[in-house]
Amino acid sequence: MDLKDLSREQLEYLLEDFAKRWLAHDGLWFQQVEQARGMEEAIRLDAGAWENFTVVEARRIMAFLGIEPGGGLDALKKALEYRMYRLINRQEIIDQDAGTIIFKMNDCRVQSARRRKKMPEFPCRPVGLVEYSGFARAIDPRIETRCLYCPPDEHPEDSFCAWEFTLKK
């Protein structure tokens, strides 16, 4: 079967399934490192991988959407909607003011799965700092990123993490 022969519904299903497969691989890789080397080392290596991947992802999204570097918060908002996990997580972007937006991950597939399995939340803050700040800087180096909350931090019931992006003049 050729992709061009698939219906829109089949293509949408396939895209979501690709995102799930990617995330499953990421999680399984992490678990293997955690078992072999411990949580601290797994997080350190995961952050290193995200440091590189997040820039690759941002650049590919920018190329796909025709976004030029230095596009500010509007470019970042658009690019955040095309991230790999966007298809499988529920997120929102709030315009705080002319120079600041808040990005919230309201439902995170990883954290929700851990909750269902009665496991503690994954302490993703260190990796998130690398991921979100690197993604934002790849879109526009003037964007500064601040974590408002992210596991292991306490967080509201309706979101797992929140990130503030500010465009510096």
N, C-alpha and C. Protein backbone atom coordinates (compact mmCIF):
# COMPACT_ATOMS: atom_id res chain seq x y z
N MET A 1 0.84 -1.18 0.00
CA MET A 1 0.00 0.00 0.00
C MET A 1 0.88 1.24 0.00
N ASP A 2 0.51 2.21 -0.78
CA ASP A 2 1.24 3.47 -0.90
C ASP A 2 0.54 4.52 -0.05
N LEU A 3 1.31 5.40 0.59
CA LEU A 3 0.71 6.45 1.42
C LEU A 3 -0.31 7.29 0.65
N LYS A 4 -0.06 7.53 -0.62
CA LYS A 4 -0.99 8.36 -1.40
C LYS A 4 -2.34 7.67 -1.61
N ASP A 5 -2.40 6.37 -1.34
CA ASP A 5 -3.66 5.65 -1.47
C ASP A 5 -4.49 5.65 -0.18
N LEU A 6 -3.91 6.17 0.90
CA LEU A 6 -4.62 6.19 2.17
C LEU A 6 -5.62 7.35 2.22
N SER A 7 -6.71 7.12 2.92
CA SER A 7 -7.70 8.18 3.13
C SER A 7 -7.15 9.18 4.14
N ARG A 8 -7.78 10.34 4.22
CA ARG A 8 -7.38 11.34 5.21
C ARG A 8 -7.46 10.75 6.62
N GLU A 9 -8.53 10.01 6.89
CA GLU A 9 -8.71 9.39 8.20
C GLU A 9 -7.57 8.41 8.51
N GLN A 10 -7.19 7.62 7.53
CA GLN A 10 -6.08 6.67 7.72
C GLN A 10 -4.76 7.41 7.94
N LEU A 11 -4.54 8.49 7.20
CA LEU A 11 -3.31 9.27 7.37
C LEU A 11 -3.25 9.92 8.76
N GLU A 12 -4.38 10.45 9.21
CA GLU A 12 -4.41 11.05 10.55
C GLU A 12 -4.13 10.00 11.62
N TYR A 13 -4.73 8.82 11.47
CA TYR A 13 -4.48 7.73 12.40
C TYR A 13 -3.00 7.36 12.39
N LEU A 14 -2.43 7.26 11.19
CA LEU A 14 -1.03 6.88 11.05
C LEU A 14 -0.10 7.91 11.69
N LEU A 15 -0.39 9.20 11.50
CA LEU A 15 0.42 10.24 12.13
C LEU A 15 0.40 10.12 13.65
N GLU A 16 -0.80 9.93 14.20
CA GLU A 16 -0.91 9.78 15.65
C GLU A 16 -0.17 8.52 16.11
N ASP A 17 -0.30 7.45 15.36
CA ASP A 17 0.38 6.22 15.72
C ASP A 17 1.90 6.38 15.64
N PHE A 18 2.40 7.10 14.63
CA PHE A 18 3.84 7.38 14.55
C PHE A 18 4.31 8.12 15.80
N ALA A 19 3.52 9.11 16.25
CA ALA A 19 3.89 9.87 17.44
C ALA A 19 3.92 8.94 18.66
N LYS A 20 2.95 8.04 18.76
CA LYS A 20 2.93 7.09 19.89
C LYS A 20 4.14 6.16 19.83
N ARG A 21 4.48 5.70 18.64
CA ARG A 21 5.64 4.81 18.49
C ARG A 21 6.93 5.52 18.89
N TRP A 22 7.05 6.79 18.44
CA TRP A 22 8.24 7.58 18.78
C TRP A 22 8.35 7.72 20.29
N LEU A 23 7.24 8.06 20.94
CA LEU A 23 7.26 8.25 22.38
C LEU A 23 7.54 6.92 23.11
N ALA A 24 6.98 5.84 22.59
CA ALA A 24 7.26 4.52 23.20
C ALA A 24 8.75 4.20 23.11
N HIS A 25 9.35 4.47 21.98
CA HIS A 25 10.80 4.23 21.85
C HIS A 25 11.58 5.09 22.83
N ASP A 26 11.22 6.36 22.92
CA ASP A 26 11.90 7.27 23.84
C ASP A 26 11.79 6.74 25.28
N GLY A 27 10.60 6.31 25.66
CA GLY A 27 10.40 5.80 27.01
C GLY A 27 11.13 4.50 27.27
N LEU A 28 11.12 3.61 26.31
CA LEU A 28 11.81 2.32 26.48
C LEU A 28 13.32 2.52 26.56
N TRP A 29 13.83 3.43 25.74
CA TRP A 29 15.27 3.76 25.80
C TRP A 29 15.61 4.27 27.20
N PHE A 30 14.79 5.21 27.67
CA PHE A 30 15.04 5.79 28.98
C PHE A 30 15.03 4.72 30.07
N GLN A 31 14.05 3.83 30.04
CA GLN A 31 13.94 2.78 31.05
C GLN A 31 15.16 1.86 31.04
N GLN A 32 15.69 1.57 29.86
CA GLN A 32 16.88 0.72 29.78
C GLN A 32 18.08 1.40 30.44
N VAL A 33 18.25 2.70 30.16
CA VAL A 33 19.36 3.43 30.77
C VAL A 33 19.15 3.53 32.28
N GLU A 34 17.91 3.79 32.69
CA GLU A 34 17.61 3.88 34.12
C GLU A 34 17.94 2.57 34.84
N GLN A 35 17.57 1.43 34.24
CA GLN A 35 17.86 0.14 34.85
C GLN A 35 19.36 -0.13 34.93
N ALA A 36 20.07 0.27 33.89
CA ALA A 36 21.51 0.00 33.83
C ALA A 36 22.34 0.98 34.65
N ARG A 37 21.92 2.26 34.66
CA ARG A 37 22.77 3.30 35.24
C ARG A 37 22.12 4.14 36.33
N GLY A 38 20.82 3.97 36.55
CA GLY A 38 20.12 4.75 37.57
C GLY A 38 19.42 5.97 36.98
N MET A 39 18.49 6.50 37.75
CA MET A 39 17.66 7.62 37.30
C MET A 39 18.48 8.87 36.99
N GLU A 40 19.42 9.22 37.83
CA GLU A 40 20.20 10.44 37.64
C GLU A 40 20.96 10.41 36.30
N GLU A 41 21.60 9.30 36.01
CA GLU A 41 22.35 9.17 34.76
C GLU A 41 21.40 9.13 33.57
N ALA A 42 20.25 8.47 33.72
CA ALA A 42 19.26 8.42 32.62
C ALA A 42 18.76 9.82 32.29
N ILE A 43 18.49 10.61 33.32
CA ILE A 43 18.03 11.99 33.08
C ILE A 43 19.13 12.81 32.42
N ARG A 44 20.37 12.64 32.86
CA ARG A 44 21.49 13.38 32.26
C ARG A 44 21.62 13.05 30.77
N LEU A 45 21.56 11.78 30.44
CA LEU A 45 21.68 11.38 29.03
C LEU A 45 20.45 11.79 28.22
N ASP A 46 19.28 11.70 28.82
CA ASP A 46 18.06 12.12 28.15
C ASP A 46 18.12 13.62 27.83
N ALA A 47 18.58 14.41 28.78
CA ALA A 47 18.71 15.86 28.55
C ALA A 47 19.68 16.13 27.40
N GLY A 48 20.76 15.37 27.32
CA GLY A 48 21.70 15.53 26.22
C GLY A 48 21.08 15.23 24.87
N ALA A 49 20.27 14.17 24.83
CA ALA A 49 19.59 13.84 23.57
C ALA A 49 18.58 14.92 23.20
N TRP A 50 17.82 15.40 24.18
CA TRP A 50 16.83 16.45 23.91
C TRP A 50 17.49 17.76 23.51
N GLU A 51 18.66 18.04 24.04
CA GLU A 51 19.37 19.27 23.67
C GLU A 51 19.59 19.32 22.16
N ASN A 52 19.88 18.17 21.57
CA ASN A 52 20.09 18.10 20.13
C ASN A 52 18.78 17.94 19.36
N PHE A 53 17.91 17.05 19.82
CA PHE A 53 16.67 16.76 19.10
C PHE A 53 15.77 17.99 19.00
N THR A 54 15.66 18.75 20.09
CA THR A 54 14.72 19.87 20.10
C THR A 54 15.09 20.92 19.04
N VAL A 55 16.38 21.09 18.80
CA VAL A 55 16.83 22.04 17.76
C VAL A 55 16.52 21.48 16.38
N VAL A 56 16.77 20.19 16.18
CA VAL A 56 16.45 19.54 14.91
C VAL A 56 14.95 19.66 14.64
N GLU A 57 14.15 19.36 15.66
CA GLU A 57 12.70 19.43 15.49
C GLU A 57 12.25 20.86 15.16
N ALA A 58 12.77 21.84 15.88
CA ALA A 58 12.40 23.24 15.63
C ALA A 58 12.77 23.65 14.19
N ARG A 59 13.96 23.32 13.77
CA ARG A 59 14.40 23.70 12.42
C ARG A 59 13.56 23.03 11.34
N ARG A 60 13.21 21.78 11.54
CA ARG A 60 12.39 21.07 10.55
C ARG A 60 10.98 21.66 10.50
N ILE A 61 10.43 22.00 11.65
CA ILE A 61 9.11 22.64 11.69
C ILE A 61 9.17 24.00 10.99
N MET A 62 10.21 24.77 11.29
CA MET A 62 10.36 26.08 10.66
C MET A 62 10.44 25.95 9.14
N ALA A 63 11.20 24.98 8.67
CA ALA A 63 11.32 24.77 7.22
C ALA A 63 9.97 24.37 6.62
N PHE A 64 9.26 23.48 7.30
CA PHE A 64 7.96 23.03 6.80
C PHE A 64 6.96 24.18 6.72
N LEU A 65 6.96 25.03 7.74
CA LEU A 65 5.99 26.14 7.79
C LEU A 65 6.49 27.41 7.12
N GLY A 66 7.74 27.42 6.68
CA GLY A 66 8.29 28.63 6.07
C GLY A 66 8.54 29.74 7.08
N ILE A 67 8.87 29.37 8.31
CA ILE A 67 9.15 30.34 9.37
C ILE A 67 10.62 30.72 9.31
N GLU A 68 10.87 32.01 9.23
CA GLU A 68 12.25 32.50 9.25
C GLU A 68 12.73 32.60 10.69
N PRO A 69 14.03 32.38 10.93
CA PRO A 69 14.56 32.57 12.29
C PRO A 69 14.29 34.00 12.77
N GLY A 70 14.08 34.14 14.07
CA GLY A 70 13.83 35.47 14.63
C GLY A 70 12.38 35.91 14.54
N GLY A 71 11.48 34.96 14.39
CA GLY A 71 10.06 35.28 14.21
C GLY A 71 9.30 35.61 15.49
N GLY A 72 9.98 35.62 16.62
CA GLY A 72 9.34 36.01 17.87
C GLY A 72 8.34 34.99 18.39
N LEU A 73 7.46 35.49 19.25
CA LEU A 73 6.49 34.62 19.93
C LEU A 73 5.44 34.06 18.99
N ASP A 74 5.08 34.81 17.94
CA ASP A 74 4.11 34.29 16.97
C ASP A 74 4.66 33.04 16.28
N ALA A 75 5.93 33.09 15.92
CA ALA A 75 6.57 31.93 15.29
C ALA A 75 6.64 30.77 16.27
N LEU A 76 6.96 31.07 17.53
CA LEU A 76 7.04 30.02 18.54
C LEU A 76 5.67 29.37 18.74
N LYS A 77 4.62 30.18 18.85
CA LYS A 77 3.27 29.62 19.03
C LYS A 77 2.90 28.69 17.88
N LYS A 78 3.20 29.11 16.68
CA LYS A 78 2.89 28.29 15.51
C LYS A 78 3.69 26.99 15.54
N ALA A 79 4.98 27.09 15.85
CA ALA A 79 5.85 25.90 15.86
C ALA A 79 5.46 24.92 16.96
N LEU A 80 5.05 25.42 18.11
CA LEU A 80 4.63 24.53 19.21
C LEU A 80 3.46 23.64 18.81
N GLU A 81 2.64 24.11 17.90
CA GLU A 81 1.49 23.34 17.44
C GLU A 81 1.89 22.18 16.53
N TYR A 82 3.13 22.16 16.06
CA TYR A 82 3.59 21.12 15.13
C TYR A 82 4.64 20.19 15.72
N ARG A 83 4.83 20.24 17.04
CA ARG A 83 5.78 19.34 17.67
C ARG A 83 5.28 17.91 17.58
N MET A 84 6.19 16.96 17.62
CA MET A 84 5.87 15.54 17.46
C MET A 84 4.79 15.08 18.43
N TYR A 85 4.90 15.46 19.70
CA TYR A 85 3.96 14.95 20.68
C TYR A 85 2.64 15.71 20.71
N ARG A 86 2.50 16.74 19.90
CA ARG A 86 1.26 17.52 19.87
C ARG A 86 0.06 16.63 19.52
N LEU A 87 0.29 15.62 18.74
CA LEU A 87 -0.79 14.72 18.31
C LEU A 87 -1.31 13.84 19.44
N ILE A 88 -0.53 13.67 20.50
CA ILE A 88 -0.91 12.72 21.55
C ILE A 88 -0.99 13.34 22.94
N ASN A 89 -0.70 14.62 23.07
CA ASN A 89 -0.82 15.34 24.34
C ASN A 89 -1.82 16.47 24.15
N ARG A 90 -2.40 16.92 25.24
CA ARG A 90 -3.31 18.08 25.18
C ARG A 90 -2.58 19.27 25.78
N GLN A 91 -2.46 20.33 25.00
CA GLN A 91 -1.70 21.50 25.43
C GLN A 91 -2.48 22.77 25.11
N GLU A 92 -2.07 23.87 25.73
CA GLU A 92 -2.67 25.16 25.42
C GLU A 92 -1.61 26.24 25.49
N ILE A 93 -1.86 27.30 24.75
CA ILE A 93 -0.97 28.46 24.73
C ILE A 93 -1.81 29.67 25.12
N ILE A 94 -1.34 30.41 26.10
CA ILE A 94 -2.05 31.57 26.62
C ILE A 94 -1.20 32.81 26.35
N ASP A 95 -1.81 33.80 25.71
CA ASP A 95 -1.13 35.09 25.51
C ASP A 95 -1.21 35.86 26.82
N GLN A 96 -0.08 35.99 27.49
CA GLN A 96 -0.02 36.70 28.77
C GLN A 96 -0.07 38.20 28.54
N ASP A 97 0.79 38.69 27.67
CA ASP A 97 0.82 40.09 27.26
C ASP A 97 1.58 40.15 25.94
N ALA A 98 1.88 41.33 25.45
CA ALA A 98 2.52 41.46 24.12
C ALA A 98 3.87 40.76 24.04
N GLY A 99 4.54 40.60 25.17
CA GLY A 99 5.88 40.02 25.15
C GLY A 99 6.03 38.69 25.83
N THR A 100 4.90 38.08 26.26
CA THR A 100 4.99 36.84 27.02
C THR A 100 3.82 35.91 26.69
N ILE A 101 4.16 34.62 26.54
CA ILE A 101 3.13 33.59 26.41
C ILE A 101 3.40 32.51 27.46
N ILE A 102 2.34 31.80 27.80
CA ILE A 102 2.44 30.66 28.70
C ILE A 102 2.02 29.43 27.92
N PHE A 103 2.85 28.39 27.98
CA PHE A 103 2.55 27.11 27.35
C PHE A 103 2.27 26.12 28.47
N LYS A 104 1.11 25.45 28.40
CA LYS A 104 0.76 24.45 29.41
C LYS A 104 0.56 23.09 28.75
N MET A 105 1.10 22.08 29.40
CA MET A 105 0.84 20.71 29.00
C MET A 105 -0.25 20.19 29.93
N ASN A 106 -1.47 20.20 29.42
CA ASN A 106 -2.63 19.84 30.25
C ASN A 106 -2.77 18.34 30.42
N ASP A 107 -2.46 17.59 29.39
CA ASP A 107 -2.45 16.14 29.51
C ASP A 107 -1.20 15.63 28.83
N CYS A 108 -0.36 14.99 29.60
CA CYS A 108 0.91 14.45 29.11
C CYS A 108 0.77 12.93 29.08
N ARG A 109 0.96 12.35 27.93
CA ARG A 109 0.79 10.90 27.77
C ARG A 109 1.70 10.12 28.72
N VAL A 110 2.93 10.58 28.90
CA VAL A 110 3.87 9.90 29.79
C VAL A 110 3.36 9.95 31.23
N GLN A 111 3.03 11.14 31.71
CA GLN A 111 2.60 11.28 33.10
C GLN A 111 1.26 10.59 33.35
N SER A 112 0.35 10.68 32.40
CA SER A 112 -0.95 10.03 32.55
C SER A 112 -0.80 8.51 32.63
N ALA A 113 0.10 7.96 31.83
CA ALA A 113 0.35 6.51 31.86
C ALA A 113 0.93 6.11 33.21
N ARG A 114 1.83 6.89 33.73
CA ARG A 114 2.42 6.59 35.04
C ARG A 114 1.35 6.65 36.13
N ARG A 115 0.48 7.63 36.01
CA ARG A 115 -0.63 7.74 36.97
C ARG A 115 -1.51 6.49 36.95
N ARG A 116 -1.86 6.07 35.74
CA ARG A 116 -2.71 4.87 35.59
C ARG A 116 -2.05 3.65 36.20
N LYS A 117 -0.72 3.57 36.10
CA LYS A 117 0.03 2.42 36.61
C LYS A 117 0.39 2.58 38.09
N LYS A 118 -0.14 3.66 38.71
CA LYS A 118 0.14 3.95 40.13
C LYS A 118 1.63 4.15 40.39
N MET A 119 2.31 4.74 39.40
CA MET A 119 3.73 5.04 39.53
C MET A 119 3.89 6.51 39.89
N PRO A 120 5.00 6.87 40.51
CA PRO A 120 5.23 8.29 40.78
C PRO A 120 5.44 9.04 39.46
N GLU A 121 5.18 10.33 39.49
CA GLU A 121 5.40 11.13 38.29
C GLU A 121 6.88 11.11 37.90
N PHE A 122 7.10 11.15 36.61
CA PHE A 122 8.46 11.23 36.10
C PHE A 122 8.98 12.64 36.38
N PRO A 123 10.15 12.78 37.01
CA PRO A 123 10.69 14.11 37.32
C PRO A 123 11.34 14.75 36.09
N CYS A 124 10.51 15.25 35.19
CA CYS A 124 11.00 15.68 33.87
C CYS A 124 11.49 17.13 33.82
N ARG A 125 11.43 17.85 34.91
CA ARG A 125 11.82 19.26 34.90
C ARG A 125 13.21 19.50 34.29
N PRO A 126 14.26 18.76 34.72
CA PRO A 126 15.59 19.03 34.15
C PRO A 126 15.63 18.85 32.63
N VAL A 127 14.95 17.84 32.14
CA VAL A 127 14.92 17.60 30.69
C VAL A 127 14.06 18.67 30.01
N GLY A 128 12.93 19.02 30.65
CA GLY A 128 12.06 20.06 30.09
C GLY A 128 12.76 21.39 29.95
N LEU A 129 13.60 21.74 30.91
CA LEU A 129 14.35 23.00 30.82
C LEU A 129 15.22 23.03 29.57
N VAL A 130 15.90 21.92 29.32
CA VAL A 130 16.74 21.81 28.13
C VAL A 130 15.88 21.84 26.87
N GLU A 131 14.82 21.03 26.88
CA GLU A 131 13.96 20.90 25.71
C GLU A 131 13.28 22.21 25.32
N TYR A 132 12.55 22.81 26.25
CA TYR A 132 11.76 24.00 25.91
C TYR A 132 12.62 25.24 25.65
N SER A 133 13.68 25.41 26.43
CA SER A 133 14.54 26.58 26.17
C SER A 133 15.28 26.41 24.85
N GLY A 134 15.73 25.21 24.54
CA GLY A 134 16.41 24.97 23.26
C GLY A 134 15.49 25.14 22.07
N PHE A 135 14.25 24.67 22.19
CA PHE A 135 13.26 24.82 21.11
C PHE A 135 12.98 26.30 20.87
N ALA A 136 12.73 27.03 21.94
CA ALA A 136 12.42 28.46 21.81
C ALA A 136 13.59 29.24 21.21
N ARG A 137 14.80 28.96 21.68
CA ARG A 137 15.99 29.66 21.15
C ARG A 137 16.23 29.34 19.67
N ALA A 138 15.90 28.12 19.26
CA ALA A 138 16.06 27.76 17.85
C ALA A 138 15.08 28.55 16.98
N ILE A 139 13.91 28.85 17.52
CA ILE A 139 12.93 29.67 16.79
C ILE A 139 13.39 31.12 16.76
N ASP A 140 13.81 31.61 17.93
CA ASP A 140 14.26 33.00 18.04
C ASP A 140 15.16 33.12 19.26
N PRO A 141 16.44 33.42 19.07
CA PRO A 141 17.38 33.48 20.20
C PRO A 141 17.02 34.52 21.26
N ARG A 142 16.10 35.44 20.92
CA ARG A 142 15.70 36.46 21.89
C ARG A 142 14.68 35.93 22.91
N ILE A 143 14.16 34.73 22.69
CA ILE A 143 13.13 34.20 23.58
C ILE A 143 13.79 33.55 24.80
N GLU A 144 13.36 33.99 25.97
CA GLU A 144 13.82 33.42 27.23
C GLU A 144 12.72 32.52 27.78
N THR A 145 13.13 31.41 28.38
CA THR A 145 12.21 30.40 28.87
C THR A 145 12.34 30.28 30.38
N ARG A 146 11.19 30.21 31.03
CA ARG A 146 11.16 30.01 32.49
C ARG A 146 10.14 28.93 32.81
N CYS A 147 10.54 27.98 33.63
CA CYS A 147 9.63 26.94 34.07
C CYS A 147 8.76 27.48 35.20
N LEU A 148 7.45 27.41 35.03
CA LEU A 148 6.54 27.81 36.09
C LEU A 148 6.30 26.64 37.05
N TYR A 149 6.15 25.44 36.50
CA TYR A 149 6.09 24.21 37.27
C TYR A 149 6.23 23.03 36.33
N CYS A 150 6.80 21.96 36.85
CA CYS A 150 7.00 20.74 36.08
C CYS A 150 7.43 19.67 37.07
N PRO A 151 6.90 18.44 36.96
CA PRO A 151 7.31 17.40 37.91
C PRO A 151 8.83 17.31 38.02
N PRO A 152 9.35 17.26 39.22
CA PRO A 152 8.68 16.85 40.46
C PRO A 152 7.98 17.97 41.22
N ASP A 153 7.86 19.17 40.65
CA ASP A 153 7.17 20.27 41.32
C ASP A 153 5.70 19.93 41.54
N GLU A 154 5.12 20.54 42.55
CA GLU A 154 3.68 20.50 42.71
C GLU A 154 3.06 21.21 41.51
N HIS A 155 1.89 20.75 41.09
CA HIS A 155 1.24 21.37 39.94
C HIS A 155 -0.26 21.23 40.08
N PRO A 156 -1.01 22.08 39.37
CA PRO A 156 -2.48 21.95 39.44
C PRO A 156 -2.92 20.62 38.84
N GLU A 157 -4.11 20.21 39.21
CA GLU A 157 -4.65 18.94 38.72
C GLU A 157 -4.86 18.97 37.21
N ASP A 158 -5.11 20.15 36.64
CA ASP A 158 -5.47 20.25 35.22
C ASP A 158 -4.28 20.49 34.28
N SER A 159 -3.06 20.45 34.79
CA SER A 159 -1.89 20.52 33.90
C SER A 159 -0.67 19.98 34.62
N PHE A 160 0.23 19.40 33.83
CA PHE A 160 1.43 18.80 34.40
C PHE A 160 2.59 19.78 34.46
N CYS A 161 2.69 20.63 33.43
CA CYS A 161 3.78 21.59 33.42
C CYS A 161 3.33 22.87 32.73
N ALA A 162 4.04 23.95 33.03
CA ALA A 162 3.77 25.24 32.39
C ALA A 162 5.09 25.96 32.21
N TRP A 163 5.21 26.59 31.06
CA TRP A 163 6.44 27.26 30.67
C TRP A 163 6.11 28.67 30.21
N GLU A 164 6.92 29.61 30.65
CA GLU A 164 6.73 31.00 30.27
C GLU A 164 7.80 31.36 29.24
N PHE A 165 7.38 31.93 28.14
CA PHE A 165 8.29 32.36 27.09
C PHE A 165 8.17 33.88 26.96
N THR A 166 9.30 34.57 27.08
CA THR A 166 9.31 36.03 27.02
C THR A 166 10.27 36.46 25.91
N LEU A 167 9.80 37.37 25.10
CA LEU A 167 10.65 37.92 24.03
C LEU A 167 11.40 39.11 24.57
N LYS A 168 12.70 38.99 24.63
CA LYS A 168 13.56 40.09 25.12
C LYS A 168 13.90 40.99 23.94
N LYS A 169 13.87 42.27 24.18
CA LYS A 169 14.16 43.25 23.12
C LYS A 169 15.63 43.38 22.89
